Amino acid sequence: MGRFWTLLSNLHSIAGPVVMLLYPLYASIIAIESPGKEDDEQWLAYWILYSLLTLTEMLFQSVLEWIPIWYTVKLLLMAWLVLPQFRGAAFIYERFVREQMIRYGFLRGHHHASPDGKGKKKFVQFITPKKGEHEAY
């Protein structure tokens, strides 16, 4: 029984990084390279929720340490967010996060990018240096 328990706990430790980081990283790269927008939204929503959960965990770490099943619950939640059959990340973002961002004014004046991609073009223009700006370096 001791070896089985050791194997199970090692698999449990490896499952977290695989489910929460490795697979989402791979799927995000595939989504960027695909022509469709739906998978992009799923993975952007996932990374937003992953960041929010990580920040929440950092804030409440001392409390969460006292909950013995927290890591298992977190692993199951993240698996639901990640698995493409459920599209959990997109669901949670659309139903809860987006509504709160609108309610508190974080999305005021921001709309989804139009199908012609003008929203993305404006963002790219914002983050890329204009001619002559980087010559001072």
N, C-alpha and C. Protein backbone atom coordinates (compact mmCIF):
# COMPACT_ATOMS: atom_id res chain seq x y z
N MET A 1 0.82 -1.19 0.00
CA MET A 1 0.00 0.00 0.00
C MET A 1 0.86 1.25 0.00
N GLY A 2 2.05 1.20 0.62
CA GLY A 2 2.92 2.35 0.70
C GLY A 2 3.41 2.82 -0.66
N ARG A 3 3.77 1.87 -1.51
CA ARG A 3 4.24 2.23 -2.85
C ARG A 3 3.12 2.82 -3.70
N PHE A 4 1.93 2.25 -3.57
CA PHE A 4 0.78 2.77 -4.31
C PHE A 4 0.48 4.20 -3.89
N TRP A 5 0.51 4.46 -2.60
CA TRP A 5 0.24 5.82 -2.10
C TRP A 5 1.32 6.81 -2.58
N THR A 6 2.57 6.37 -2.59
CA THR A 6 3.66 7.21 -3.08
C THR A 6 3.47 7.52 -4.56
N LEU A 7 3.12 6.50 -5.35
CA LEU A 7 2.88 6.70 -6.77
C LEU A 7 1.71 7.66 -6.99
N LEU A 8 0.64 7.46 -6.23
CA LEU A 8 -0.54 8.32 -6.36
C LEU A 8 -0.22 9.77 -6.00
N SER A 9 0.53 9.99 -4.94
CA SER A 9 0.87 11.35 -4.55
C SER A 9 1.83 11.99 -5.55
N ASN A 10 2.74 11.21 -6.14
CA ASN A 10 3.62 11.75 -7.17
C ASN A 10 2.84 12.13 -8.43
N LEU A 11 1.89 11.30 -8.83
CA LEU A 11 1.05 11.62 -9.98
C LEU A 11 0.22 12.87 -9.71
N HIS A 12 -0.26 12.98 -8.50
CA HIS A 12 -1.05 14.15 -8.10
C HIS A 12 -0.20 15.42 -8.20
N SER A 13 1.07 15.33 -7.81
CA SER A 13 1.97 16.48 -7.88
C SER A 13 2.31 16.87 -9.31
N ILE A 14 2.42 15.88 -10.18
CA ILE A 14 2.75 16.14 -11.58
C ILE A 14 1.53 16.62 -12.36
N ALA A 15 0.35 16.18 -11.96
CA ALA A 15 -0.88 16.54 -12.68
C ALA A 15 -1.13 18.04 -12.67
N GLY A 16 -0.82 18.71 -11.57
CA GLY A 16 -1.06 20.14 -11.46
C GLY A 16 -0.35 20.94 -12.54
N PRO A 17 0.98 20.85 -12.63
CA PRO A 17 1.67 21.59 -13.68
C PRO A 17 1.26 21.20 -15.10
N VAL A 18 0.95 19.92 -15.30
CA VAL A 18 0.54 19.48 -16.64
C VAL A 18 -0.82 20.09 -16.99
N VAL A 19 -1.77 19.99 -16.07
CA VAL A 19 -3.13 20.49 -16.33
C VAL A 19 -3.18 22.01 -16.34
N MET A 20 -2.46 22.65 -15.43
CA MET A 20 -2.57 24.09 -15.27
C MET A 20 -1.62 24.89 -16.14
N LEU A 21 -0.50 24.30 -16.56
CA LEU A 21 0.50 25.07 -17.31
C LEU A 21 0.89 24.47 -18.65
N LEU A 22 1.32 23.22 -18.68
CA LEU A 22 1.86 22.65 -19.91
C LEU A 22 0.80 22.52 -21.01
N TYR A 23 -0.32 21.88 -20.71
CA TYR A 23 -1.36 21.75 -21.72
C TYR A 23 -1.92 23.11 -22.15
N PRO A 24 -2.25 24.02 -21.21
CA PRO A 24 -2.73 25.35 -21.64
C PRO A 24 -1.70 26.11 -22.48
N LEU A 25 -0.43 25.97 -22.17
CA LEU A 25 0.61 26.61 -22.97
C LEU A 25 0.59 26.08 -24.40
N TYR A 26 0.56 24.76 -24.53
CA TYR A 26 0.50 24.13 -25.85
C TYR A 26 -0.76 24.55 -26.60
N ALA A 27 -1.91 24.48 -25.93
CA ALA A 27 -3.18 24.83 -26.58
C ALA A 27 -3.24 26.31 -26.96
N SER A 28 -2.62 27.17 -26.17
CA SER A 28 -2.58 28.60 -26.49
C SER A 28 -1.77 28.86 -27.75
N ILE A 29 -0.67 28.17 -27.89
CA ILE A 29 0.16 28.31 -29.09
C ILE A 29 -0.62 27.83 -30.32
N ILE A 30 -1.30 26.70 -30.20
CA ILE A 30 -2.11 26.18 -31.30
C ILE A 30 -3.22 27.17 -31.63
N ALA A 31 -3.84 27.77 -30.60
CA ALA A 31 -4.93 28.73 -30.82
C ALA A 31 -4.44 29.97 -31.55
N ILE A 32 -3.27 30.45 -31.21
CA ILE A 32 -2.72 31.63 -31.88
C ILE A 32 -2.50 31.34 -33.36
N GLU A 33 -2.06 30.14 -33.65
CA GLU A 33 -1.75 29.78 -35.04
C GLU A 33 -2.99 29.40 -35.84
N SER A 34 -4.10 29.14 -35.20
CA SER A 34 -5.31 28.77 -35.94
C SER A 34 -6.04 30.01 -36.44
N PRO A 35 -6.77 29.89 -37.53
CA PRO A 35 -7.46 31.06 -38.08
C PRO A 35 -8.71 31.46 -37.29
N GLY A 36 -9.28 30.56 -36.51
CA GLY A 36 -10.52 30.85 -35.78
C GLY A 36 -10.28 31.70 -34.55
N LYS A 37 -11.33 32.38 -34.12
CA LYS A 37 -11.25 33.27 -32.96
C LYS A 37 -11.75 32.60 -31.68
N GLU A 38 -12.59 31.57 -31.82
CA GLU A 38 -13.22 30.96 -30.66
C GLU A 38 -12.20 30.36 -29.69
N ASP A 39 -11.21 29.67 -30.21
CA ASP A 39 -10.21 29.08 -29.33
C ASP A 39 -9.32 30.16 -28.70
N ASP A 40 -9.11 31.28 -29.40
CA ASP A 40 -8.35 32.38 -28.80
C ASP A 40 -9.05 32.90 -27.57
N GLU A 41 -10.37 33.07 -27.64
CA GLU A 41 -11.15 33.57 -26.50
C GLU A 41 -11.08 32.60 -25.33
N GLN A 42 -11.16 31.29 -25.62
CA GLN A 42 -11.08 30.29 -24.56
C GLN A 42 -9.76 30.40 -23.81
N TRP A 43 -8.66 30.52 -24.54
CA TRP A 43 -7.36 30.51 -23.88
C TRP A 43 -7.01 31.84 -23.25
N LEU A 44 -7.46 32.94 -23.81
CA LEU A 44 -7.29 34.22 -23.13
C LEU A 44 -8.08 34.23 -21.83
N ALA A 45 -9.30 33.72 -21.88
CA ALA A 45 -10.12 33.63 -20.67
C ALA A 45 -9.45 32.72 -19.64
N TYR A 46 -8.86 31.61 -20.09
CA TYR A 46 -8.18 30.71 -19.16
C TYR A 46 -7.05 31.44 -18.44
N TRP A 47 -6.21 32.15 -19.18
CA TRP A 47 -5.06 32.80 -18.56
C TRP A 47 -5.50 33.93 -17.63
N ILE A 48 -6.60 34.59 -17.95
CA ILE A 48 -7.15 35.61 -17.04
C ILE A 48 -7.59 34.95 -15.74
N LEU A 49 -8.33 33.86 -15.85
CA LEU A 49 -8.82 33.17 -14.65
C LEU A 49 -7.68 32.53 -13.86
N TYR A 50 -6.70 31.98 -14.56
CA TYR A 50 -5.54 31.41 -13.88
C TYR A 50 -4.81 32.49 -13.08
N SER A 51 -4.66 33.67 -13.67
CA SER A 51 -4.00 34.78 -12.97
C SER A 51 -4.81 35.22 -11.76
N LEU A 52 -6.12 35.33 -11.92
CA LEU A 52 -6.97 35.72 -10.79
C LEU A 52 -6.90 34.69 -9.66
N LEU A 53 -6.94 33.41 -10.02
CA LEU A 53 -6.85 32.37 -9.01
C LEU A 53 -5.50 32.39 -8.31
N THR A 54 -4.44 32.60 -9.06
CA THR A 54 -3.09 32.65 -8.47
C THR A 54 -2.96 33.83 -7.51
N LEU A 55 -3.47 34.99 -7.90
CA LEU A 55 -3.44 36.16 -7.02
C LEU A 55 -4.27 35.93 -5.76
N THR A 56 -5.44 35.33 -5.93
CA THR A 56 -6.30 35.02 -4.78
C THR A 56 -5.60 34.03 -3.85
N GLU A 57 -4.96 33.05 -4.43
CA GLU A 57 -4.22 32.07 -3.63
C GLU A 57 -3.10 32.73 -2.84
N MET A 58 -2.41 33.67 -3.47
CA MET A 58 -1.33 34.37 -2.77
C MET A 58 -1.87 35.17 -1.60
N LEU A 59 -3.02 35.80 -1.78
CA LEU A 59 -3.61 36.60 -0.71
C LEU A 59 -4.10 35.75 0.46
N PHE A 60 -4.69 34.60 0.15
CA PHE A 60 -5.30 33.77 1.18
C PHE A 60 -4.52 32.50 1.46
N GLN A 61 -3.23 32.52 1.21
CA GLN A 61 -2.40 31.33 1.37
C GLN A 61 -2.46 30.76 2.79
N SER A 62 -2.42 31.62 3.78
CA SER A 62 -2.42 31.12 5.16
C SER A 62 -3.74 30.42 5.51
N VAL A 63 -4.83 30.84 4.92
CA VAL A 63 -6.13 30.18 5.16
C VAL A 63 -6.21 28.89 4.36
N LEU A 64 -5.78 28.93 3.11
CA LEU A 64 -5.88 27.76 2.24
C LEU A 64 -5.00 26.61 2.71
N GLU A 65 -3.92 26.92 3.41
CA GLU A 65 -3.06 25.86 3.94
C GLU A 65 -3.80 24.97 4.93
N TRP A 66 -4.84 25.48 5.55
CA TRP A 66 -5.60 24.72 6.53
C TRP A 66 -6.68 23.85 5.89
N ILE A 67 -6.90 24.00 4.60
CA ILE A 67 -7.90 23.20 3.90
C ILE A 67 -7.17 22.06 3.19
N PRO A 68 -7.27 20.83 3.72
CA PRO A 68 -6.46 19.73 3.19
C PRO A 68 -6.77 19.34 1.74
N ILE A 69 -7.99 19.58 1.28
CA ILE A 69 -8.32 19.17 -0.08
C ILE A 69 -8.24 20.33 -1.08
N TRP A 70 -7.67 21.46 -0.67
CA TRP A 70 -7.63 22.62 -1.56
C TRP A 70 -6.96 22.31 -2.88
N TYR A 71 -5.80 21.68 -2.85
CA TYR A 71 -5.07 21.42 -4.09
C TYR A 71 -5.88 20.52 -5.03
N THR A 72 -6.57 19.53 -4.49
CA THR A 72 -7.40 18.64 -5.31
C THR A 72 -8.57 19.40 -5.91
N VAL A 73 -9.22 20.24 -5.11
CA VAL A 73 -10.33 21.05 -5.61
C VAL A 73 -9.83 21.99 -6.71
N LYS A 74 -8.70 22.62 -6.49
CA LYS A 74 -8.12 23.52 -7.47
C LYS A 74 -7.79 22.76 -8.76
N LEU A 75 -7.23 21.58 -8.64
CA LEU A 75 -6.88 20.77 -9.80
C LEU A 75 -8.12 20.40 -10.61
N LEU A 76 -9.19 20.02 -9.93
CA LEU A 76 -10.43 19.69 -10.62
C LEU A 76 -11.04 20.92 -11.30
N LEU A 77 -11.02 22.05 -10.62
CA LEU A 77 -11.53 23.29 -11.21
C LEU A 77 -10.73 23.66 -12.46
N MET A 78 -9.42 23.58 -12.36
CA MET A 78 -8.58 23.95 -13.49
C MET A 78 -8.76 22.96 -14.64
N ALA A 79 -8.97 21.69 -14.34
CA ALA A 79 -9.23 20.71 -15.40
C ALA A 79 -10.53 21.06 -16.12
N TRP A 80 -11.55 21.47 -15.37
CA TRP A 80 -12.82 21.89 -15.98
C TRP A 80 -12.62 23.13 -16.85
N LEU A 81 -11.79 24.06 -16.41
CA LEU A 81 -11.53 25.26 -17.20
C LEU A 81 -10.76 24.93 -18.48
N VAL A 82 -9.88 23.96 -18.41
CA VAL A 82 -8.97 23.64 -19.51
C VAL A 82 -9.60 22.74 -20.57
N LEU A 83 -10.36 21.75 -20.17
CA LEU A 83 -10.84 20.74 -21.12
C LEU A 83 -11.73 21.37 -22.19
N PRO A 84 -11.41 21.13 -23.45
CA PRO A 84 -12.16 21.76 -24.54
C PRO A 84 -13.61 21.31 -24.62
N GLN A 85 -13.94 20.14 -24.07
CA GLN A 85 -15.32 19.68 -24.09
C GLN A 85 -16.23 20.59 -23.27
N PHE A 86 -15.69 21.20 -22.24
CA PHE A 86 -16.50 22.03 -21.34
C PHE A 86 -16.41 23.52 -21.64
N ARG A 87 -15.26 23.97 -22.17
CA ARG A 87 -15.01 25.40 -22.40
C ARG A 87 -15.33 26.20 -21.14
N GLY A 88 -14.89 25.68 -20.02
CA GLY A 88 -15.17 26.28 -18.72
C GLY A 88 -14.61 27.68 -18.56
N ALA A 89 -13.43 27.93 -19.08
CA ALA A 89 -12.82 29.26 -18.93
C ALA A 89 -13.65 30.32 -19.65
N ALA A 90 -14.07 30.03 -20.86
CA ALA A 90 -14.89 30.99 -21.61
C ALA A 90 -16.23 31.20 -20.92
N PHE A 91 -16.80 30.12 -20.39
CA PHE A 91 -18.08 30.20 -19.68
C PHE A 91 -17.98 31.10 -18.45
N ILE A 92 -16.98 30.85 -17.60
CA ILE A 92 -16.82 31.64 -16.37
C ILE A 92 -16.53 33.10 -16.72
N TYR A 93 -15.69 33.32 -17.73
CA TYR A 93 -15.38 34.70 -18.09
C TYR A 93 -16.63 35.44 -18.56
N GLU A 94 -17.37 34.84 -19.47
CA GLU A 94 -18.56 35.51 -20.01
C GLU A 94 -19.64 35.72 -18.95
N ARG A 95 -19.84 34.73 -18.08
CA ARG A 95 -20.93 34.80 -17.10
C ARG A 95 -20.62 35.66 -15.88
N PHE A 96 -19.37 35.69 -15.47
CA PHE A 96 -19.05 36.35 -14.20
C PHE A 96 -18.03 37.48 -14.32
N VAL A 97 -16.86 37.17 -14.85
CA VAL A 97 -15.76 38.15 -14.86
C VAL A 97 -16.12 39.35 -15.73
N ARG A 98 -16.58 39.09 -16.94
CA ARG A 98 -16.91 40.18 -17.86
C ARG A 98 -17.99 41.09 -17.28
N GLU A 99 -19.02 40.49 -16.68
CA GLU A 99 -20.09 41.29 -16.08
C GLU A 99 -19.57 42.19 -14.97
N GLN A 100 -18.66 41.66 -14.15
CA GLN A 100 -18.10 42.46 -13.05
C GLN A 100 -17.21 43.58 -13.59
N MET A 101 -16.46 43.29 -14.64
CA MET A 101 -15.60 44.32 -15.22
C MET A 101 -16.43 45.45 -15.81
N ILE A 102 -17.54 45.11 -16.44
CA ILE A 102 -18.45 46.13 -16.98
C ILE A 102 -19.09 46.90 -15.84
N ARG A 103 -19.55 46.18 -14.82
CA ARG A 103 -20.23 46.81 -13.69
C ARG A 103 -19.34 47.84 -13.00
N TYR A 104 -18.08 47.53 -12.82
CA TYR A 104 -17.18 48.43 -12.11
C TYR A 104 -16.41 49.37 -13.03
N GLY A 105 -16.77 49.40 -14.31
CA GLY A 105 -16.24 50.38 -15.22
C GLY A 105 -14.90 50.07 -15.84
N PHE A 106 -14.38 48.86 -15.67
CA PHE A 106 -13.09 48.53 -16.26
C PHE A 106 -13.18 48.36 -17.77
N LEU A 107 -14.36 48.04 -18.28
CA LEU A 107 -14.54 47.83 -19.71
C LEU A 107 -15.32 48.96 -20.36
N ARG A 108 -15.45 50.07 -19.70
CA ARG A 108 -16.18 51.20 -20.26
C ARG A 108 -15.46 51.67 -21.52
N GLY A 109 -16.21 51.75 -22.61
CA GLY A 109 -15.63 52.21 -23.86
C GLY A 109 -14.88 51.14 -24.63
N HIS A 110 -14.73 49.95 -24.06
CA HIS A 110 -14.05 48.87 -24.75
C HIS A 110 -15.10 47.92 -25.29
N HIS A 111 -14.96 47.57 -26.53
CA HIS A 111 -15.88 46.64 -27.16
C HIS A 111 -15.05 45.54 -27.79
N HIS A 112 -15.73 44.44 -28.10
CA HIS A 112 -15.02 43.38 -28.81
C HIS A 112 -14.52 43.92 -30.14
N ALA A 113 -13.39 43.43 -30.56
CA ALA A 113 -12.83 43.88 -31.84
C ALA A 113 -13.78 43.51 -32.97
N SER A 114 -13.87 44.39 -33.92
CA SER A 114 -14.74 44.13 -35.05
C SER A 114 -14.15 43.02 -35.91
N PRO A 115 -14.98 42.38 -36.73
CA PRO A 115 -14.48 41.27 -37.55
C PRO A 115 -13.34 41.66 -38.48
N ASP A 116 -13.24 42.94 -38.83
CA ASP A 116 -12.15 43.34 -39.72
C ASP A 116 -10.82 43.50 -38.98
N GLY A 117 -10.82 43.32 -37.64
CA GLY A 117 -9.58 43.33 -36.87
C GLY A 117 -9.08 44.71 -36.50
N LYS A 118 -9.89 45.75 -36.61
CA LYS A 118 -9.42 47.10 -36.31
C LYS A 118 -9.01 47.24 -34.85
N GLY A 119 -9.69 46.53 -33.95
CA GLY A 119 -9.33 46.60 -32.54
C GLY A 119 -7.91 46.10 -32.31
N LYS A 120 -7.55 45.02 -32.96
CA LYS A 120 -6.20 44.48 -32.82
C LYS A 120 -5.18 45.44 -33.43
N LYS A 121 -5.51 46.05 -34.56
CA LYS A 121 -4.59 46.99 -35.19
C LYS A 121 -4.31 48.17 -34.28
N LYS A 122 -5.34 48.70 -33.62
CA LYS A 122 -5.13 49.82 -32.71
C LYS A 122 -4.21 49.41 -31.57
N PHE A 123 -4.38 48.21 -31.03
CA PHE A 123 -3.55 47.74 -29.94
C PHE A 123 -2.11 47.59 -30.41
N VAL A 124 -1.92 47.00 -31.57
CA VAL A 124 -0.56 46.80 -32.09
C VAL A 124 0.10 48.15 -32.32
N GLN A 125 -0.65 49.13 -32.84
CA GLN A 125 -0.09 50.46 -33.03
C GLN A 125 0.29 51.09 -31.70
N PHE A 126 -0.49 50.81 -30.66
CA PHE A 126 -0.22 51.36 -29.34
C PHE A 126 1.07 50.81 -28.74
N ILE A 127 1.32 49.51 -28.92
CA ILE A 127 2.48 48.91 -28.25
C ILE A 127 3.75 48.93 -29.09
N THR A 128 3.64 49.19 -30.39
CA THR A 128 4.84 49.21 -31.21
C THR A 128 5.39 50.63 -31.29
N PRO A 129 6.70 50.76 -31.23
CA PRO A 129 7.27 52.12 -31.28
C PRO A 129 7.09 52.74 -32.66
N LYS A 130 6.92 54.03 -32.67
CA LYS A 130 6.81 54.75 -33.93
C LYS A 130 8.21 54.97 -34.49
N LYS A 131 8.27 55.25 -35.76
CA LYS A 131 9.57 55.44 -36.41
C LYS A 131 10.32 56.56 -35.71
N GLY A 132 11.57 56.29 -35.42
CA GLY A 132 12.42 57.29 -34.80
C GLY A 132 12.43 57.24 -33.28
N GLU A 133 11.47 56.56 -32.65
CA GLU A 133 11.43 56.50 -31.18
C GLU A 133 12.56 55.66 -30.60
N HIS A 134 12.88 54.56 -31.26
CA HIS A 134 13.89 53.67 -30.71
C HIS A 134 15.30 54.04 -31.14
N GLU A 135 15.46 55.07 -31.93
CA GLU A 135 16.79 55.45 -32.40
C GLU A 135 17.61 56.08 -31.28
N ALA A 136 16.98 56.57 -30.22
CA ALA A 136 17.70 57.20 -29.12
C ALA A 136 18.48 56.19 -28.29
N TYR A 137 18.15 54.91 -28.41
CA TYR A 137 18.82 53.89 -27.62
C TYR A 137 20.16 53.68 -28.16
